[in-house]
PDB file of all heavy atoms in Angstrom:
ATOM      1  N   GLY A   1      -1.196 117.793  90.018  1.00  0.00           N
ATOM      2  CA  GLY A   1      -2.571 117.484  90.006  1.00  0.00           C
ATOM      3  C   GLY A   1      -3.077 116.948  91.394  1.00  0.00           C
ATOM      4  O   GLY A   1      -4.206 117.151  91.739  1.00  0.00           O
ATOM      5  N   ALA A   2      -2.151 116.135  92.016  1.00  0.00           N
ATOM      6  CA  ALA A   2      -2.601 115.531  93.276  1.00  0.00           C
ATOM      7  C   ALA A   2      -2.856 116.566  94.327  1.00  0.00           C
ATOM      8  O   ALA A   2      -3.726 116.267  95.276  1.00  0.00           O
ATOM      9  CB  ALA A   2      -1.480 114.612  93.738  1.00  0.00           C
ATOM     10  N   TYR A   3      -2.244 117.785  94.260  1.00  0.00           N
ATOM     11  CA  TYR A   3      -2.433 118.813  95.277  1.00  0.00           C
ATOM     12  C   TYR A   3      -3.328 119.993  94.775  1.00  0.00           C
ATOM     13  O   TYR A   3      -3.527 120.890  95.545  1.00  0.00           O
ATOM     14  CB  TYR A   3      -1.144 119.289  95.763  1.00  0.00           C
ATOM     15  CG  TYR A   3      -0.457 118.180  96.702  1.00  0.00           C
ATOM     16  CD1 TYR A   3       0.524 117.334  96.159  1.00  0.00           C
ATOM     17  CD2 TYR A   3      -0.843 118.111  98.059  1.00  0.00           C
ATOM     18  CE1 TYR A   3       1.078 116.299  96.935  1.00  0.00           C
ATOM     19  CE2 TYR A   3      -0.226 117.058  98.848  1.00  0.00           C
ATOM     20  CZ  TYR A   3       0.727 116.304  98.270  1.00  0.00           C
ATOM     21  OH  TYR A   3       1.337 115.276  99.046  1.00  0.00           O
ATOM     22  N   THR A   4      -3.715 119.866  93.562  1.00  0.00           N
ATOM     23  CA  THR A   4      -4.539 121.071  93.046  1.00  0.00           C
ATOM     24  C   THR A   4      -5.978 120.531  92.459  1.00  0.00           C
ATOM     25  O   THR A   4      -6.877 121.382  92.349  1.00  0.00           O
ATOM     26  CB  THR A   4      -3.797 121.789  91.883  1.00  0.00           C
ATOM     27  OG1 THR A   4      -3.520 120.887  90.850  1.00  0.00           O
ATOM     28  CG2 THR A   4      -2.510 122.445  92.466  1.00  0.00           C
ATOM     29  N   ILE A   5      -6.127 119.345  92.179  1.00  0.00           N
ATOM     30  CA  ILE A   5      -7.256 118.780  91.656  1.00  0.00           C
ATOM     31  C   ILE A   5      -8.065 117.955  92.595  1.00  0.00           C
ATOM     32  O   ILE A   5      -7.449 117.246  93.415  1.00  0.00           O
ATOM     33  CB  ILE A   5      -7.066 118.013  90.300  1.00  0.00           C
ATOM     34  CG1 ILE A   5      -6.376 119.023  89.346  1.00  0.00           C
ATOM     35  CG2 ILE A   5      -8.286 117.386  89.773  1.00  0.00           C
ATOM     36  CD1 ILE A   5      -5.876 118.218  88.072  1.00  0.00           C
ATOM     37  N   PRO A   6      -9.449 117.968  92.668  1.00  0.00           N
ATOM     38  CA  PRO A   6     -10.131 117.162  93.632  1.00  0.00           C
ATOM     39  C   PRO A   6      -9.686 115.697  93.518  1.00  0.00           C
ATOM     40  O   PRO A   6      -9.496 115.198  92.342  1.00  0.00           O
ATOM     41  CB  PRO A   6     -11.620 117.337  93.218  1.00  0.00           C
ATOM     42  CG  PRO A   6     -11.645 118.719  92.581  1.00  0.00           C
ATOM     43  CD  PRO A   6     -10.249 118.860  91.945  1.00  0.00           C
ATOM     44  N   VAL A   7      -9.653 114.919  94.635  1.00  0.00           N
ATOM     45  CA  VAL A   7      -9.182 113.562  94.652  1.00  0.00           C
ATOM     46  C   VAL A   7      -9.940 112.814  93.755  1.00  0.00           C
ATOM     47  O   VAL A   7      -9.451 111.897  93.025  1.00  0.00           O
ATOM     48  CB  VAL A   7      -9.113 113.036  96.150  1.00  0.00           C
ATOM     49  CG1 VAL A   7      -8.891 111.573  96.111  1.00  0.00           C
ATOM     50  CG2 VAL A   7      -8.138 113.821  96.938  1.00  0.00           C
ATOM     51  N   HIS A   8     -11.313 112.787  93.797  1.00  0.00           N
ATOM     52  CA  HIS A   8     -12.204 111.985  93.126  1.00  0.00           C
ATOM     53  C   HIS A   8     -11.900 112.111  91.544  1.00  0.00           C
ATOM     54  O   HIS A   8     -12.073 111.182  90.778  1.00  0.00           O
ATOM     55  CB  HIS A   8     -13.661 112.316  93.361  1.00  0.00           C
ATOM     56  CG  HIS A   8     -14.537 111.090  93.387  1.00  0.00           C
ATOM     57  ND1 HIS A   8     -14.354 110.099  94.275  1.00  0.00           N
ATOM     58  CD2 HIS A   8     -15.615 110.862  92.667  1.00  0.00           C
ATOM     59  CE1 HIS A   8     -15.347 109.150  94.048  1.00  0.00           C
ATOM     60  NE2 HIS A   8     -16.090 109.602  93.073  1.00  0.00           N
ATOM     61  N   THR A   9     -11.536 113.341  91.200  1.00  0.00           N
ATOM     62  CA  THR A   9     -11.143 113.600  89.776  1.00  0.00           C
ATOM     63  C   THR A   9      -9.884 113.134  89.427  1.00  0.00           C
ATOM     64  O   THR A   9      -9.578 112.517  88.380  1.00  0.00           O
ATOM     65  CB  THR A   9     -11.345 114.995  89.426  1.00  0.00           C
ATOM     66  OG1 THR A   9     -12.672 115.517  89.631  1.00  0.00           O
ATOM     67  CG2 THR A   9     -11.008 115.386  87.905  1.00  0.00           C
ATOM     68  N   MET A  10      -8.895 113.304  90.322  1.00  0.00           N
ATOM     69  CA  MET A  10      -7.458 112.967  90.018  1.00  0.00           C
ATOM     70  C   MET A  10      -7.266 111.527  89.939  1.00  0.00           C
ATOM     71  O   MET A  10      -6.300 110.994  89.364  1.00  0.00           O
ATOM     72  CB  MET A  10      -6.624 113.596  91.127  1.00  0.00           C
ATOM     73  CG  MET A  10      -5.110 113.596  90.773  1.00  0.00           C
ATOM     74  SD  MET A  10      -4.748 114.463  89.232  1.00  0.00           S
ATOM     75  CE  MET A  10      -3.158 113.649  88.857  1.00  0.00           C
ATOM     76  N   VAL A  11      -8.089 110.632  90.574  1.00  0.00           N
ATOM     77  CA  VAL A  11      -7.938 109.194  90.455  1.00  0.00           C
ATOM     78  C   VAL A  11      -7.938 108.780  89.060  1.00  0.00           C
ATOM     79  O   VAL A  11      -7.074 107.969  88.595  1.00  0.00           O
ATOM     80  CB  VAL A  11      -9.079 108.530  91.265  1.00  0.00           C
ATOM     81  CG1 VAL A  11      -9.082 107.020  91.012  1.00  0.00           C
ATOM     82  CG2 VAL A  11      -8.864 108.755  92.789  1.00  0.00           C
ATOM     83  N   TRP A  12      -9.013 109.256  88.277  1.00  0.00           N
ATOM     84  CA  TRP A  12      -9.061 108.826  86.832  1.00  0.00           C
ATOM     85  C   TRP A  12      -8.074 109.654  85.992  1.00  0.00           C
ATOM     86  O   TRP A  12      -7.554 109.100  85.048  1.00  0.00           O
ATOM     87  CB  TRP A  12     -10.476 108.872  86.345  1.00  0.00           C
ATOM     88  CG  TRP A  12     -11.083 110.239  86.286  1.00  0.00           C
ATOM     89  CD1 TRP A  12     -11.983 110.780  87.176  1.00  0.00           C
ATOM     90  CD2 TRP A  12     -10.968 111.198  85.179  1.00  0.00           C
ATOM     91  NE1 TRP A  12     -12.284 112.076  86.731  1.00  0.00           N
ATOM     92  CE2 TRP A  12     -11.758 112.374  85.555  1.00  0.00           C
ATOM     93  CE3 TRP A  12     -10.219 111.190  84.005  1.00  0.00           C
ATOM     94  CZ2 TRP A  12     -11.848 113.488  84.783  1.00  0.00           C
ATOM     95  CZ3 TRP A  12     -10.317 112.342  83.180  1.00  0.00           C
ATOM     96  CH2 TRP A  12     -11.104 113.444  83.575  1.00  0.00           C
ATOM     97  N   LEU A  13      -7.941 110.900  86.342  1.00  0.00           N
ATOM     98  CA  LEU A  13      -7.133 111.849  85.561  1.00  0.00           C
ATOM     99  C   LEU A  13      -5.670 111.321  85.623  1.00  0.00           C
ATOM    100  O   LEU A  13      -4.843 111.396  84.677  1.00  0.00           O
ATOM    101  CB  LEU A  13      -7.203 113.218  85.957  1.00  0.00           C
ATOM    102  CG  LEU A  13      -6.381 114.213  85.235  1.00  0.00           C
ATOM    103  CD1 LEU A  13      -6.828 114.244  83.706  1.00  0.00           C
ATOM    104  CD2 LEU A  13      -6.705 115.613  85.738  1.00  0.00           C
ATOM    105  N   GLY A  14      -5.214 110.832  86.795  1.00  0.00           N
ATOM    106  CA  GLY A  14      -3.846 110.306  86.928  1.00  0.00           C
ATOM    107  C   GLY A  14      -3.614 109.112  86.027  1.00  0.00           C
ATOM    108  O   GLY A  14      -2.512 109.025  85.467  1.00  0.00           O
ATOM    109  N   SER A  15      -4.594 108.256  85.923  1.00  0.00           N
ATOM    110  CA  SER A  15      -4.450 107.074  85.026  1.00  0.00           C
ATOM    111  C   SER A  15      -4.449 107.577  83.540  1.00  0.00           C
ATOM    112  O   SER A  15      -3.701 106.984  82.762  1.00  0.00           O
ATOM    113  CB  SER A  15      -5.686 106.123  85.165  1.00  0.00           C
ATOM    114  OG  SER A  15      -5.729 105.678  86.508  1.00  0.00           O
ATOM    115  N   VAL A  16      -5.233 108.637  83.217  1.00  0.00           N
ATOM    116  CA  VAL A  16      -5.159 109.161  81.826  1.00  0.00           C
ATOM    117  C   VAL A  16      -3.736 109.765  81.547  1.00  0.00           C
ATOM    118  O   VAL A  16      -3.296 109.480  80.490  1.00  0.00           O
ATOM    119  CB  VAL A  16      -6.241 110.203  81.683  1.00  0.00           C
ATOM    120  CG1 VAL A  16      -6.017 110.978  80.359  1.00  0.00           C
ATOM    121  CG2 VAL A  16      -7.653 109.584  81.842  1.00  0.00           C
ATOM    122  N   LEU A  17      -3.171 110.454  82.577  1.00  0.00           N
ATOM    123  CA  LEU A  17      -1.869 110.990  82.361  1.00  0.00           C
ATOM    124  C   LEU A  17      -0.807 109.884  82.106  1.00  0.00           C
ATOM    125  O   LEU A  17       0.031 110.026  81.283  1.00  0.00           O
ATOM    126  CB  LEU A  17      -1.515 111.811  83.532  1.00  0.00           C
ATOM    127  CG  LEU A  17      -2.225 113.176  83.602  1.00  0.00           C
ATOM    128  CD1 LEU A  17      -1.894 113.884  84.999  1.00  0.00           C
ATOM    129  CD2 LEU A  17      -1.956 114.175  82.445  1.00  0.00           C
ATOM    130  N   MET A  18      -0.921 108.843  82.869  1.00  0.00           N
ATOM    131  CA  MET A  18       0.065 107.777  82.755  1.00  0.00           C
ATOM    132  C   MET A  18      -0.064 107.091  81.372  1.00  0.00           C
ATOM    133  O   MET A  18       0.893 106.784  80.713  1.00  0.00           O
ATOM    134  CB  MET A  18      -0.112 106.697  83.892  1.00  0.00           C
ATOM    135  CG  MET A  18       0.840 105.520  83.815  1.00  0.00           C
ATOM    136  SD  MET A  18       0.760 104.447  85.244  1.00  0.00           S
ATOM    137  CE  MET A  18      -0.793 103.653  84.885  1.00  0.00           C
ATOM    138  N   VAL A  19      -1.345 106.771  80.981  1.00  0.00           N
ATOM    139  CA  VAL A  19      -1.495 106.149  79.678  1.00  0.00           C
ATOM    140  C   VAL A  19      -1.110 107.062  78.554  1.00  0.00           C
ATOM    141  O   VAL A  19      -0.388 106.672  77.634  1.00  0.00           O
ATOM    142  CB  VAL A  19      -2.960 105.745  79.479  1.00  0.00           C
ATOM    143  CG1 VAL A  19      -3.243 105.253  78.106  1.00  0.00           C
ATOM    144  CG2 VAL A  19      -3.405 104.704  80.445  1.00  0.00           C
ATOM    145  N   ALA A  20      -1.293 108.385  78.711  1.00  0.00           N
ATOM    146  CA  ALA A  20      -0.931 109.306  77.640  1.00  0.00           C
ATOM    147  C   ALA A  20       0.589 109.424  77.594  1.00  0.00           C
ATOM    148  O   ALA A  20       1.189 109.492  76.554  1.00  0.00           O
ATOM    149  CB  ALA A  20      -1.518 110.670  77.999  1.00  0.00           C
ATOM    150  N   ALA A  21       1.333 109.395  78.746  1.00  0.00           N
ATOM    151  CA  ALA A  21       2.788 109.451  78.809  1.00  0.00           C
ATOM    152  C   ALA A  21       3.317 108.150  78.134  1.00  0.00           C
ATOM    153  O   ALA A  21       4.317 108.239  77.358  1.00  0.00           O
ATOM    154  CB  ALA A  21       3.191 109.426  80.287  1.00  0.00           C
ATOM    155  N   ILE A  22       2.711 106.995  78.418  1.00  0.00           N
ATOM    156  CA  ILE A  22       3.141 105.694  77.768  1.00  0.00           C
ATOM    157  C   ILE A  22       2.987 105.806  76.244  1.00  0.00           C
ATOM    158  O   ILE A  22       3.980 105.464  75.519  1.00  0.00           O
ATOM    159  CB  ILE A  22       2.475 104.518  78.343  1.00  0.00           C
ATOM    160  CG1 ILE A  22       2.913 104.356  79.825  1.00  0.00           C
ATOM    161  CG2 ILE A  22       2.815 103.247  77.559  1.00  0.00           C
ATOM    162  CD1 ILE A  22       2.114 103.266  80.561  1.00  0.00           C
ATOM    163  N   LEU A  23       1.910 106.299  75.859  1.00  0.00           N
ATOM    164  CA  LEU A  23       1.678 106.351  74.308  1.00  0.00           C
ATOM    165  C   LEU A  23       2.571 107.331  73.690  1.00  0.00           C
ATOM    166  O   LEU A  23       3.159 107.166  72.555  1.00  0.00           O
ATOM    167  CB  LEU A  23       0.102 106.758  74.083  1.00  0.00           C
ATOM    168  CG  LEU A  23      -0.782 105.665  74.508  1.00  0.00           C
ATOM    169  CD1 LEU A  23      -2.249 106.221  74.245  1.00  0.00           C
ATOM    170  CD2 LEU A  23      -0.649 104.420  73.721  1.00  0.00           C
ATOM    171  N   LEU A  24       2.792 108.561  74.338  1.00  0.00           N
ATOM    172  CA  LEU A  24       3.709 109.530  73.813  1.00  0.00           C
ATOM    173  C   LEU A  24       5.159 108.981  73.646  1.00  0.00           C
ATOM    174  O   LEU A  24       5.741 109.108  72.611  1.00  0.00           O
ATOM    175  CB  LEU A  24       3.700 110.747  74.748  1.00  0.00           C
ATOM    176  CG  LEU A  24       4.705 111.908  74.291  1.00  0.00           C
ATOM    177  CD1 LEU A  24       4.324 112.443  72.987  1.00  0.00           C
ATOM    178  CD2 LEU A  24       4.682 112.964  75.414  1.00  0.00           C
ATOM    179  N   ALA A  25       5.585 108.289  74.713  1.00  0.00           N
ATOM    180  CA  ALA A  25       6.926 107.727  74.705  1.00  0.00           C
ATOM    181  C   ALA A  25       7.058 106.614  73.625  1.00  0.00           C
ATOM    182  O   ALA A  25       8.046 106.554  72.970  1.00  0.00           O
ATOM    183  CB  ALA A  25       7.298 107.095  76.075  1.00  0.00           C
TER     184      ALA A  25
END
């Protein structure tokens, strides 16, 4: 995502991915 998605979008999307990973685990 960091190298394919616009930075402004990836800032919040990266946080969403991290929270989703924590909840999944």
